[in-house]
Amino acid sequence: MVEVDSRNWCVFNAGTCDMDMADYLGGNMGNIDVDDGGSESTLSGAYPVRAPVWWGRRGEAFLQTELPGVSGRFVVLIHSKSFRRVEKLLAKILRAPRELRRPLDDMNSLLWELCDGHRTFEEIVVLMDEMFDEKVAPANERTESALRQLGERGFILFSRTEFEDAWPTGPGIDPEGVIQPKEGINSEPIDGDVV
C-alpha cells in the first residue's frame, strides 16, 4: 500500500486538512463549498488530480494537441454502483447493470485529461481558454464549476502541492479490480499517462 502525506490534501473551504487519504477516496469531496463571491477562486494554486477511477478514451480526436497525456478524444468514466441491501436484491432480480458509465463532452474530456496533478488550476484555465476560446468563456468560472462537480462526485482531488504520482492516474486502472475492458473504449495509455 502506498503511503500518502495527507497534509497537502484538503477539502477546500471546509477547514479540514490532515485528513486520511482514504476519506477522500470514500467520497468526502462533497464538502467543497460554493465560492463566497470573492474575486479570486478558492481553487487558486490548487493542483487538480484524477482520483483512482477506471476511464478510457473513445472516438476520434476532436482537437489536435501535443500536450503530454492529452489525446483530444472523448473520455468515459466507469465506476461500480454501490447498492443498499434492498437495491441489491432488486438489481439482481431486474438484472440491472453493476456499473455506471459517465461519458464526458469535449470540454470536460479535455479538462479530465489536463487534471494530472502537475498543472495548477490557473494553468488549466489558460489551456481551456486557448483550446475552446468563446465556447468556454468565462473560462475561470466555467473551469472551476466543472472541477467542483467532478470533485463532488469523487472523481477529482485537489492538492496544495504538485502531485507526486502516489497512485496511477492513467486510463484502464481499476482500483476495485472488477471493471473489464469495454468495447469501443480505448484504455491504452498514451505518452504522458501515469499507469
N, C-alpha and C. Protein backbone atom coordinates (compact mmCIF):
# COMPACT_ATOMS: atom_id res chain seq x y z
N MET A 1 0.84 -1.18 0.00
CA MET A 1 0.00 0.00 0.00
C MET A 1 0.88 1.24 0.00
N VAL A 2 0.49 2.24 -0.77
CA VAL A 2 1.25 3.47 -0.90
C VAL A 2 0.86 4.40 0.24
N GLU A 3 1.85 4.99 0.90
CA GLU A 3 1.56 5.97 1.95
C GLU A 3 1.56 7.35 1.32
N VAL A 4 0.55 8.14 1.63
CA VAL A 4 0.40 9.47 1.08
C VAL A 4 0.41 10.47 2.23
N ASP A 5 1.22 11.51 2.09
CA ASP A 5 1.26 12.57 3.09
C ASP A 5 0.01 13.42 2.90
N SER A 6 -0.96 13.27 3.76
CA SER A 6 -2.25 13.93 3.58
C SER A 6 -2.26 15.39 4.00
N ARG A 7 -1.16 15.92 4.53
CA ARG A 7 -1.16 17.31 4.96
C ARG A 7 -1.37 18.28 3.82
N ASN A 8 -1.02 17.90 2.61
CA ASN A 8 -1.17 18.79 1.47
C ASN A 8 -2.50 18.62 0.76
N TRP A 9 -3.30 17.66 1.17
CA TRP A 9 -4.58 17.40 0.54
C TRP A 9 -5.67 18.00 1.40
N CYS A 10 -6.54 18.77 0.78
CA CYS A 10 -7.59 19.44 1.54
C CYS A 10 -8.91 19.42 0.78
N VAL A 11 -9.97 19.51 1.55
CA VAL A 11 -11.27 19.83 1.00
C VAL A 11 -11.37 21.33 1.14
N PHE A 12 -11.35 22.05 0.03
CA PHE A 12 -11.29 23.49 0.09
C PHE A 12 -12.51 24.09 0.76
N ASN A 13 -12.30 25.10 1.57
CA ASN A 13 -13.33 25.83 2.31
C ASN A 13 -14.00 25.01 3.39
N ALA A 14 -13.48 23.84 3.69
CA ALA A 14 -14.11 23.03 4.74
C ALA A 14 -13.28 23.06 6.02
N GLY A 15 -12.07 23.60 5.93
CA GLY A 15 -11.22 23.68 7.10
C GLY A 15 -10.74 22.34 7.59
N THR A 16 -10.68 21.36 6.71
CA THR A 16 -10.28 20.02 7.13
C THR A 16 -9.07 19.56 6.35
N CYS A 17 -7.90 19.89 6.83
CA CYS A 17 -6.67 19.35 6.26
C CYS A 17 -6.26 18.18 7.17
N ASP A 18 -5.16 17.56 6.85
CA ASP A 18 -4.65 16.43 7.62
C ASP A 18 -5.66 15.29 7.69
N MET A 19 -6.52 15.16 6.68
CA MET A 19 -7.47 14.06 6.66
C MET A 19 -6.77 12.84 6.09
N ASP A 20 -7.23 11.68 6.47
CA ASP A 20 -6.71 10.44 5.93
C ASP A 20 -7.10 10.35 4.46
N MET A 21 -6.16 9.97 3.61
CA MET A 21 -6.41 9.90 2.18
C MET A 21 -7.59 8.98 1.86
N ALA A 22 -7.79 7.96 2.66
CA ALA A 22 -8.90 7.04 2.42
C ALA A 22 -10.24 7.77 2.49
N ASP A 23 -10.34 8.80 3.34
CA ASP A 23 -11.56 9.57 3.41
C ASP A 23 -11.86 10.25 2.08
N TYR A 24 -10.81 10.75 1.43
CA TYR A 24 -11.02 11.38 0.13
C TYR A 24 -11.57 10.38 -0.87
N LEU A 25 -10.98 9.22 -0.88
CA LEU A 25 -11.38 8.23 -1.86
C LEU A 25 -12.74 7.65 -1.51
N GLY A 26 -13.22 7.90 -0.30
CA GLY A 26 -14.52 7.41 0.12
C GLY A 26 -15.66 8.35 -0.20
N GLY A 27 -15.40 9.48 -0.81
CA GLY A 27 -16.48 10.35 -1.25
C GLY A 27 -16.68 11.60 -0.44
N ASN A 28 -15.73 12.02 0.37
CA ASN A 28 -15.91 13.23 1.16
C ASN A 28 -15.69 14.51 0.36
N MET A 29 -15.51 14.41 -0.93
CA MET A 29 -15.30 15.61 -1.72
C MET A 29 -16.56 16.46 -1.81
N GLY A 30 -17.69 15.96 -1.40
CA GLY A 30 -18.91 16.75 -1.38
C GLY A 30 -18.83 17.94 -0.43
N ASN A 31 -17.78 18.02 0.36
CA ASN A 31 -17.63 19.12 1.31
C ASN A 31 -17.10 20.40 0.69
N ILE A 32 -16.83 20.40 -0.61
CA ILE A 32 -16.34 21.61 -1.24
C ILE A 32 -17.48 22.62 -1.27
N ASP A 33 -17.25 23.78 -0.67
CA ASP A 33 -18.28 24.81 -0.60
C ASP A 33 -18.32 25.63 -1.88
N VAL A 34 -19.44 26.29 -2.10
CA VAL A 34 -19.57 27.19 -3.23
C VAL A 34 -18.79 28.45 -2.91
N ASP A 35 -18.19 29.04 -3.94
CA ASP A 35 -17.40 30.25 -3.76
C ASP A 35 -18.24 31.33 -3.09
N ASP A 36 -17.64 32.08 -2.19
CA ASP A 36 -18.36 33.10 -1.43
C ASP A 36 -18.55 34.39 -2.21
N GLY A 37 -18.23 34.40 -3.49
CA GLY A 37 -18.43 35.59 -4.29
C GLY A 37 -17.18 36.44 -4.41
N GLY A 38 -16.12 36.08 -3.74
CA GLY A 38 -14.87 36.83 -3.85
C GLY A 38 -14.34 36.74 -5.26
N SER A 39 -13.43 37.66 -5.61
CA SER A 39 -12.94 37.70 -6.99
C SER A 39 -11.96 36.58 -7.29
N GLU A 40 -11.22 36.11 -6.28
CA GLU A 40 -10.24 35.06 -6.52
C GLU A 40 -10.87 33.70 -6.26
N SER A 41 -10.57 32.76 -7.12
CA SER A 41 -11.12 31.42 -6.99
C SER A 41 -10.55 30.73 -5.75
N THR A 42 -11.38 29.93 -5.10
CA THR A 42 -10.89 29.15 -3.96
C THR A 42 -9.99 28.02 -4.42
N LEU A 43 -9.95 27.76 -5.71
CA LEU A 43 -9.07 26.73 -6.26
C LEU A 43 -7.73 27.31 -6.71
N SER A 44 -7.53 28.60 -6.53
CA SER A 44 -6.26 29.22 -6.94
C SER A 44 -5.09 28.52 -6.28
N GLY A 45 -4.11 28.15 -7.09
CA GLY A 45 -2.92 27.48 -6.59
C GLY A 45 -3.09 25.99 -6.38
N ALA A 46 -4.30 25.47 -6.57
CA ALA A 46 -4.54 24.03 -6.38
C ALA A 46 -4.06 23.25 -7.59
N TYR A 47 -3.70 22.00 -7.33
CA TYR A 47 -3.33 21.05 -8.38
C TYR A 47 -4.43 19.99 -8.46
N PRO A 48 -5.37 20.11 -9.41
CA PRO A 48 -6.39 19.08 -9.54
C PRO A 48 -5.76 17.78 -10.06
N VAL A 49 -6.16 16.65 -9.48
CA VAL A 49 -5.62 15.35 -9.89
C VAL A 49 -6.75 14.33 -9.94
N ARG A 50 -6.70 13.47 -10.94
CA ARG A 50 -7.72 12.42 -11.09
C ARG A 50 -7.61 11.42 -9.93
N ALA A 51 -8.76 11.11 -9.34
CA ALA A 51 -8.81 10.07 -8.31
C ALA A 51 -8.71 8.71 -9.00
N PRO A 52 -8.38 7.67 -8.25
CA PRO A 52 -8.34 6.33 -8.86
C PRO A 52 -9.73 5.89 -9.32
N VAL A 53 -9.95 5.92 -10.61
CA VAL A 53 -11.21 5.52 -11.21
C VAL A 53 -10.91 5.00 -12.62
N TRP A 54 -11.69 4.00 -13.07
CA TRP A 54 -11.48 3.47 -14.41
C TRP A 54 -11.98 4.49 -15.42
N TRP A 55 -11.15 4.76 -16.42
CA TRP A 55 -11.57 5.63 -17.51
C TRP A 55 -10.85 5.23 -18.79
N GLY A 56 -11.42 5.65 -19.90
CA GLY A 56 -10.82 5.38 -21.19
C GLY A 56 -11.23 6.44 -22.19
N ARG A 57 -10.66 6.34 -23.37
CA ARG A 57 -10.93 7.30 -24.43
C ARG A 57 -11.73 6.62 -25.53
N ARG A 58 -12.57 7.42 -26.21
CA ARG A 58 -13.37 6.86 -27.30
C ARG A 58 -13.42 7.86 -28.46
N GLY A 59 -13.72 7.33 -29.64
CA GLY A 59 -13.91 8.17 -30.81
C GLY A 59 -12.62 8.77 -31.35
N GLU A 60 -12.80 9.59 -32.35
CA GLU A 60 -11.68 10.30 -32.97
C GLU A 60 -11.38 11.57 -32.19
N ALA A 61 -10.19 12.09 -32.38
CA ALA A 61 -9.79 13.33 -31.71
C ALA A 61 -10.65 14.49 -32.20
N PHE A 62 -11.18 15.29 -31.26
CA PHE A 62 -11.95 16.47 -31.62
C PHE A 62 -11.08 17.71 -31.68
N LEU A 63 -9.83 17.59 -31.19
CA LEU A 63 -8.85 18.66 -31.32
C LEU A 63 -7.46 18.06 -31.33
N GLN A 64 -6.55 18.80 -31.96
CA GLN A 64 -5.16 18.34 -32.06
C GLN A 64 -4.32 19.08 -31.03
N THR A 65 -3.57 18.32 -30.24
CA THR A 65 -2.71 18.92 -29.23
C THR A 65 -1.49 18.03 -29.05
N GLU A 66 -0.41 18.63 -28.61
CA GLU A 66 0.81 17.86 -28.35
C GLU A 66 1.15 17.87 -26.86
N LEU A 67 0.19 18.20 -26.02
CA LEU A 67 0.42 18.18 -24.58
C LEU A 67 0.55 16.74 -24.11
N PRO A 68 1.49 16.45 -23.21
CA PRO A 68 1.65 15.08 -22.72
C PRO A 68 0.40 14.61 -21.96
N GLY A 69 -0.05 13.40 -22.28
CA GLY A 69 -1.21 12.82 -21.60
C GLY A 69 -2.54 13.35 -22.09
N VAL A 70 -2.54 14.15 -23.15
CA VAL A 70 -3.78 14.74 -23.66
C VAL A 70 -3.96 14.29 -25.11
N SER A 71 -5.04 13.54 -25.36
CA SER A 71 -5.28 12.98 -26.68
C SER A 71 -6.23 13.82 -27.52
N GLY A 72 -7.06 14.63 -26.87
CA GLY A 72 -8.08 15.36 -27.61
C GLY A 72 -9.26 14.49 -27.99
N ARG A 73 -9.40 13.32 -27.36
CA ARG A 73 -10.51 12.41 -27.62
C ARG A 73 -11.52 12.50 -26.47
N PHE A 74 -12.71 11.95 -26.70
CA PHE A 74 -13.73 11.94 -25.66
C PHE A 74 -13.35 10.92 -24.59
N VAL A 75 -13.71 11.23 -23.33
CA VAL A 75 -13.39 10.39 -22.19
C VAL A 75 -14.68 9.81 -21.62
N VAL A 76 -14.59 8.55 -21.18
CA VAL A 76 -15.70 7.88 -20.50
C VAL A 76 -15.19 7.40 -19.15
N LEU A 77 -15.87 7.77 -18.08
CA LEU A 77 -15.56 7.28 -16.73
C LEU A 77 -16.50 6.13 -16.43
N ILE A 78 -15.99 5.07 -15.84
CA ILE A 78 -16.83 3.94 -15.45
C ILE A 78 -16.53 3.59 -14.00
N HIS A 79 -17.56 3.49 -13.20
CA HIS A 79 -17.37 3.09 -11.81
C HIS A 79 -18.50 2.17 -11.37
N SER A 80 -18.20 1.37 -10.37
CA SER A 80 -19.17 0.41 -9.85
C SER A 80 -20.27 1.14 -9.09
N LYS A 81 -21.48 0.60 -9.19
CA LYS A 81 -22.59 1.12 -8.39
C LYS A 81 -22.47 0.54 -6.99
N SER A 82 -22.88 1.30 -6.02
CA SER A 82 -22.94 0.77 -4.66
C SER A 82 -24.42 0.69 -4.27
N PHE A 83 -24.87 -0.53 -4.02
CA PHE A 83 -26.27 -0.78 -3.70
C PHE A 83 -26.46 -0.99 -2.21
N ARG A 84 -27.61 -0.54 -1.71
CA ARG A 84 -28.02 -0.92 -0.36
C ARG A 84 -28.64 -2.31 -0.46
N ARG A 85 -29.00 -2.88 0.65
CA ARG A 85 -29.49 -4.26 0.68
C ARG A 85 -30.68 -4.49 -0.25
N VAL A 86 -31.71 -3.68 -0.13
CA VAL A 86 -32.91 -3.85 -0.95
C VAL A 86 -32.60 -3.56 -2.42
N GLU A 87 -31.82 -2.52 -2.66
CA GLU A 87 -31.44 -2.18 -4.03
C GLU A 87 -30.66 -3.31 -4.69
N LYS A 88 -29.80 -3.95 -3.90
CA LYS A 88 -29.00 -5.06 -4.42
C LYS A 88 -29.91 -6.21 -4.85
N LEU A 89 -30.91 -6.49 -4.05
CA LEU A 89 -31.86 -7.55 -4.37
C LEU A 89 -32.63 -7.20 -5.64
N LEU A 90 -33.15 -5.97 -5.72
CA LEU A 90 -33.90 -5.53 -6.91
C LEU A 90 -33.00 -5.53 -8.14
N ALA A 91 -31.78 -5.10 -8.00
CA ALA A 91 -30.85 -5.07 -9.13
C ALA A 91 -30.59 -6.48 -9.65
N LYS A 92 -30.50 -7.43 -8.74
CA LYS A 92 -30.27 -8.82 -9.14
C LYS A 92 -31.48 -9.37 -9.87
N ILE A 93 -32.67 -9.10 -9.35
CA ILE A 93 -33.91 -9.58 -9.97
C ILE A 93 -34.10 -8.94 -11.35
N LEU A 94 -33.86 -7.65 -11.43
CA LEU A 94 -34.09 -6.91 -12.68
C LEU A 94 -32.88 -6.93 -13.62
N ARG A 95 -31.80 -7.58 -13.19
CA ARG A 95 -30.56 -7.67 -13.95
C ARG A 95 -30.04 -6.29 -14.34
N ALA A 96 -30.03 -5.42 -13.39
CA ALA A 96 -29.53 -4.06 -13.61
C ALA A 96 -28.01 -4.07 -13.77
N PRO A 97 -27.48 -3.16 -14.55
CA PRO A 97 -26.02 -3.09 -14.70
C PRO A 97 -25.36 -2.74 -13.36
N ARG A 98 -24.18 -3.27 -13.15
CA ARG A 98 -23.46 -3.03 -11.89
C ARG A 98 -22.48 -1.86 -12.01
N GLU A 99 -22.47 -1.24 -13.17
CA GLU A 99 -21.54 -0.14 -13.41
C GLU A 99 -22.29 1.07 -13.95
N LEU A 100 -21.74 2.23 -13.67
CA LEU A 100 -22.24 3.48 -14.25
C LEU A 100 -21.22 3.99 -15.24
N ARG A 101 -21.68 4.32 -16.44
CA ARG A 101 -20.83 4.94 -17.44
C ARG A 101 -21.15 6.42 -17.46
N ARG A 102 -20.10 7.21 -17.41
CA ARG A 102 -20.27 8.66 -17.46
C ARG A 102 -19.46 9.22 -18.62
N PRO A 103 -20.07 9.29 -19.81
CA PRO A 103 -19.35 9.88 -20.95
C PRO A 103 -19.25 11.39 -20.77
N LEU A 104 -18.08 11.93 -21.02
CA LEU A 104 -17.85 13.37 -20.88
C LEU A 104 -17.91 14.04 -22.24
N ASP A 105 -18.38 15.29 -22.26
CA ASP A 105 -18.40 16.05 -23.51
C ASP A 105 -16.98 16.51 -23.85
N ASP A 106 -16.83 17.26 -24.92
CA ASP A 106 -15.50 17.66 -25.37
C ASP A 106 -14.75 18.49 -24.33
N MET A 107 -15.40 19.49 -23.74
CA MET A 107 -14.70 20.34 -22.77
C MET A 107 -14.33 19.58 -21.50
N ASN A 108 -15.25 18.78 -20.98
CA ASN A 108 -14.95 18.02 -19.76
C ASN A 108 -13.94 16.91 -20.03
N SER A 109 -13.92 16.38 -21.25
CA SER A 109 -12.91 15.37 -21.60
C SER A 109 -11.52 15.98 -21.58
N LEU A 110 -11.38 17.16 -22.17
CA LEU A 110 -10.07 17.83 -22.14
C LEU A 110 -9.71 18.18 -20.71
N LEU A 111 -10.66 18.70 -19.96
CA LEU A 111 -10.42 19.05 -18.56
C LEU A 111 -9.93 17.83 -17.78
N TRP A 112 -10.57 16.68 -17.98
CA TRP A 112 -10.19 15.44 -17.30
C TRP A 112 -8.73 15.10 -17.61
N GLU A 113 -8.37 15.15 -18.89
CA GLU A 113 -7.01 14.80 -19.26
C GLU A 113 -5.98 15.79 -18.73
N LEU A 114 -6.37 17.04 -18.57
CA LEU A 114 -5.45 18.05 -18.04
C LEU A 114 -5.21 17.91 -16.54
N CYS A 115 -6.12 17.26 -15.83
CA CYS A 115 -6.03 17.13 -14.37
C CYS A 115 -5.11 15.97 -13.99
N ASP A 116 -3.84 16.15 -14.24
CA ASP A 116 -2.86 15.10 -13.93
C ASP A 116 -2.12 15.36 -12.63
N GLY A 117 -2.45 16.47 -11.95
CA GLY A 117 -1.79 16.80 -10.69
C GLY A 117 -0.48 17.55 -10.88
N HIS A 118 -0.11 17.80 -12.14
CA HIS A 118 1.13 18.52 -12.42
C HIS A 118 0.88 19.90 -13.02
N ARG A 119 -0.38 20.23 -13.22
CA ARG A 119 -0.77 21.55 -13.71
C ARG A 119 -1.63 22.22 -12.64
N THR A 120 -1.39 23.49 -12.42
CA THR A 120 -2.21 24.22 -11.45
C THR A 120 -3.57 24.56 -12.07
N PHE A 121 -4.49 24.95 -11.21
CA PHE A 121 -5.80 25.39 -11.67
C PHE A 121 -5.65 26.50 -12.69
N GLU A 122 -4.77 27.45 -12.43
CA GLU A 122 -4.59 28.59 -13.34
C GLU A 122 -4.05 28.14 -14.69
N GLU A 123 -3.13 27.21 -14.71
CA GLU A 123 -2.59 26.69 -15.97
C GLU A 123 -3.68 25.98 -16.77
N ILE A 124 -4.52 25.24 -16.08
CA ILE A 124 -5.61 24.53 -16.75
C ILE A 124 -6.59 25.53 -17.35
N VAL A 125 -6.91 26.60 -16.62
CA VAL A 125 -7.82 27.63 -17.14
C VAL A 125 -7.27 28.23 -18.43
N VAL A 126 -5.97 28.55 -18.44
CA VAL A 126 -5.35 29.13 -19.64
C VAL A 126 -5.45 28.16 -20.81
N LEU A 127 -5.15 26.89 -20.58
CA LEU A 127 -5.21 25.89 -21.65
C LEU A 127 -6.65 25.70 -22.15
N MET A 128 -7.60 25.66 -21.25
CA MET A 128 -9.01 25.52 -21.66
C MET A 128 -9.43 26.72 -22.51
N ASP A 129 -9.02 27.92 -22.10
CA ASP A 129 -9.35 29.14 -22.84
C ASP A 129 -8.70 29.12 -24.23
N GLU A 130 -7.45 28.67 -24.31
CA GLU A 130 -6.76 28.59 -25.60
C GLU A 130 -7.43 27.58 -26.53
N MET A 131 -7.86 26.45 -25.99
CA MET A 131 -8.42 25.39 -26.82
C MET A 131 -9.87 25.67 -27.26
N PHE A 132 -10.66 26.28 -26.38
CA PHE A 132 -12.09 26.43 -26.66
C PHE A 132 -12.54 27.87 -26.85
N ASP A 133 -11.70 28.84 -26.58
CA ASP A 133 -11.96 30.25 -26.83
C ASP A 133 -13.32 30.67 -26.27
N GLU A 134 -14.23 31.14 -27.10
CA GLU A 134 -15.52 31.66 -26.65
C GLU A 134 -16.44 30.59 -26.07
N LYS A 135 -16.26 29.35 -26.49
CA LYS A 135 -17.14 28.27 -26.04
C LYS A 135 -17.05 28.05 -24.52
N VAL A 136 -15.90 28.37 -23.93
CA VAL A 136 -15.69 28.14 -22.50
C VAL A 136 -15.74 29.45 -21.70
N ALA A 137 -15.99 30.57 -22.37
CA ALA A 137 -15.98 31.87 -21.69
C ALA A 137 -17.16 31.98 -20.71
N PRO A 138 -16.96 32.54 -19.54
CA PRO A 138 -15.69 32.92 -18.90
C PRO A 138 -14.96 31.67 -18.39
N ALA A 139 -13.76 31.47 -18.88
CA ALA A 139 -13.01 30.23 -18.65
C ALA A 139 -12.76 29.94 -17.17
N ASN A 140 -12.43 30.95 -16.40
CA ASN A 140 -12.14 30.74 -14.98
C ASN A 140 -13.34 30.15 -14.24
N GLU A 141 -14.50 30.77 -14.41
CA GLU A 141 -15.70 30.32 -13.70
C GLU A 141 -16.19 28.97 -14.21
N ARG A 142 -16.17 28.77 -15.53
CA ARG A 142 -16.66 27.51 -16.10
C ARG A 142 -15.76 26.34 -15.71
N THR A 143 -14.44 26.59 -15.72
CA THR A 143 -13.50 25.52 -15.35
C THR A 143 -13.65 25.18 -13.87
N GLU A 144 -13.75 26.20 -13.03
CA GLU A 144 -13.92 25.94 -11.60
C GLU A 144 -15.20 25.17 -11.34
N SER A 145 -16.28 25.55 -11.99
CA SER A 145 -17.56 24.86 -11.79
C SER A 145 -17.46 23.39 -12.19
N ALA A 146 -16.83 23.12 -13.34
CA ALA A 146 -16.70 21.73 -13.79
C ALA A 146 -15.82 20.93 -12.84
N LEU A 147 -14.73 21.52 -12.37
CA LEU A 147 -13.86 20.83 -11.42
C LEU A 147 -14.58 20.53 -10.11
N ARG A 148 -15.38 21.47 -9.64
CA ARG A 148 -16.13 21.25 -8.40
C ARG A 148 -17.12 20.09 -8.56
N GLN A 149 -17.79 20.04 -9.72
CA GLN A 149 -18.75 18.95 -9.94
C GLN A 149 -18.04 17.61 -9.97
N LEU A 150 -16.90 17.53 -10.65
CA LEU A 150 -16.13 16.29 -10.66
C LEU A 150 -15.62 15.95 -9.26
N GLY A 151 -15.25 16.97 -8.50
CA GLY A 151 -14.78 16.77 -7.13
C GLY A 151 -15.88 16.28 -6.22
N GLU A 152 -17.07 16.83 -6.36
CA GLU A 152 -18.20 16.43 -5.53
C GLU A 152 -18.59 14.97 -5.77
N ARG A 153 -18.31 14.47 -6.96
CA ARG A 153 -18.59 13.07 -7.28
C ARG A 153 -17.42 12.16 -6.94
N GLY A 154 -16.34 12.74 -6.43
CA GLY A 154 -15.19 11.95 -6.01
C GLY A 154 -14.24 11.55 -7.13
N PHE A 155 -14.37 12.19 -8.30
CA PHE A 155 -13.51 11.84 -9.43
C PHE A 155 -12.22 12.67 -9.46
N ILE A 156 -12.25 13.85 -8.89
CA ILE A 156 -11.09 14.76 -8.88
C ILE A 156 -10.77 15.12 -7.44
N LEU A 157 -9.48 15.13 -7.11
CA LEU A 157 -9.00 15.58 -5.81
C LEU A 157 -8.16 16.83 -6.03
N PHE A 158 -7.96 17.60 -4.98
CA PHE A 158 -7.21 18.85 -5.09
C PHE A 158 -6.06 18.84 -4.09
N SER A 159 -4.88 19.22 -4.56
CA SER A 159 -3.70 19.26 -3.70
C SER A 159 -3.14 20.67 -3.67
N ARG A 160 -2.52 21.03 -2.56
CA ARG A 160 -1.86 22.33 -2.46
C ARG A 160 -0.44 22.27 -3.01
N THR A 161 0.06 21.07 -3.27
CA THR A 161 1.38 20.89 -3.86
C THR A 161 1.26 19.99 -5.08
N GLU A 162 2.28 20.02 -5.92
CA GLU A 162 2.26 19.19 -7.12
C GLU A 162 2.18 17.72 -6.75
N PHE A 163 1.37 16.99 -7.47
CA PHE A 163 1.13 15.57 -7.25
C PHE A 163 2.42 14.79 -7.47
N GLU A 164 2.70 13.84 -6.58
CA GLU A 164 3.93 13.07 -6.65
C GLU A 164 3.69 11.66 -7.20
N ASP A 165 2.66 11.50 -7.99
CA ASP A 165 2.31 10.22 -8.62
C ASP A 165 2.20 9.10 -7.60
N ALA A 166 1.48 9.36 -6.51
CA ALA A 166 1.29 8.38 -5.43
C ALA A 166 0.40 7.22 -5.87
N TRP A 167 -0.41 7.41 -6.90
CA TRP A 167 -1.22 6.34 -7.46
C TRP A 167 -1.29 6.59 -8.97
N PRO A 168 -1.58 5.56 -9.74
CA PRO A 168 -1.69 5.75 -11.19
C PRO A 168 -2.95 6.53 -11.53
N THR A 169 -2.81 7.48 -12.46
CA THR A 169 -3.94 8.31 -12.87
C THR A 169 -4.34 8.07 -14.32
N GLY A 170 -3.67 7.13 -14.97
CA GLY A 170 -3.92 6.87 -16.39
C GLY A 170 -5.18 6.05 -16.62
N PRO A 171 -5.48 5.81 -17.89
CA PRO A 171 -6.69 5.06 -18.24
C PRO A 171 -6.55 3.57 -17.94
N GLY A 172 -7.70 2.92 -17.79
CA GLY A 172 -7.73 1.47 -17.62
C GLY A 172 -7.33 0.97 -16.25
N ILE A 173 -7.17 1.86 -15.27
CA ILE A 173 -6.79 1.47 -13.92
C ILE A 173 -8.06 1.31 -13.09
N ASP A 174 -8.29 0.12 -12.58
CA ASP A 174 -9.47 -0.15 -11.77
C ASP A 174 -9.05 -0.44 -10.33
N PRO A 175 -9.25 0.50 -9.42
CA PRO A 175 -8.82 0.29 -8.04
C PRO A 175 -9.54 -0.87 -7.36
N GLU A 176 -10.75 -1.19 -7.79
CA GLU A 176 -11.51 -2.28 -7.18
C GLU A 176 -11.26 -3.61 -7.88
N GLY A 177 -10.71 -3.59 -9.08
CA GLY A 177 -10.41 -4.80 -9.81
C GLY A 177 -11.62 -5.54 -10.37
N VAL A 178 -12.73 -4.84 -10.63
CA VAL A 178 -13.94 -5.51 -11.10
C VAL A 178 -14.37 -5.07 -12.50
N ILE A 179 -13.83 -3.97 -13.00
CA ILE A 179 -14.26 -3.45 -14.30
C ILE A 179 -13.37 -4.02 -15.40
N GLN A 180 -14.01 -4.61 -16.37
CA GLN A 180 -13.32 -5.21 -17.50
C GLN A 180 -13.23 -4.21 -18.64
N PRO A 181 -12.26 -4.38 -19.55
CA PRO A 181 -12.18 -3.50 -20.72
C PRO A 181 -13.50 -3.50 -21.49
N LYS A 182 -13.84 -2.35 -22.05
CA LYS A 182 -15.11 -2.19 -22.75
C LYS A 182 -14.87 -1.99 -24.24
N GLU A 183 -15.73 -2.58 -25.04
CA GLU A 183 -15.65 -2.43 -26.49
C GLU A 183 -15.92 -0.98 -26.86
N GLY A 184 -15.08 -0.44 -27.72
CA GLY A 184 -15.24 0.94 -28.18
C GLY A 184 -14.60 1.97 -27.28
N ILE A 185 -14.06 1.52 -26.14
CA ILE A 185 -13.38 2.45 -25.22
C ILE A 185 -11.93 2.00 -25.10
N ASN A 186 -11.03 2.87 -25.52
CA ASN A 186 -9.60 2.56 -25.51
C ASN A 186 -9.01 2.90 -24.15
N SER A 187 -8.50 1.89 -23.46
CA SER A 187 -7.91 2.13 -22.14
C SER A 187 -6.38 2.01 -22.18
N GLU A 188 -5.81 2.08 -23.38
CA GLU A 188 -4.35 2.05 -23.51
C GLU A 188 -3.79 3.42 -23.20
N PRO A 189 -2.73 3.47 -22.40
CA PRO A 189 -2.12 4.76 -22.08
C PRO A 189 -1.43 5.38 -23.29
N ILE A 190 -1.35 6.70 -23.30
CA ILE A 190 -0.59 7.41 -24.32
C ILE A 190 0.59 8.08 -23.62
N ASP A 191 1.46 8.68 -24.39
CA ASP A 191 2.63 9.36 -23.84
C ASP A 191 2.19 10.41 -22.82
N GLY A 192 2.66 10.31 -21.60
CA GLY A 192 2.32 11.26 -20.55
C GLY A 192 1.34 10.72 -19.52
N ASP A 193 0.65 9.60 -19.82
CA ASP A 193 -0.25 8.97 -18.85
C ASP A 193 0.57 8.25 -17.79
N VAL A 194 0.13 8.32 -16.52
CA VAL A 194 0.80 7.61 -15.43
C VAL A 194 -0.01 6.36 -15.11
N VAL A 195 0.57 5.20 -15.41
CA VAL A 195 -0.12 3.93 -15.13
C VAL A 195 0.74 3.04 -14.25
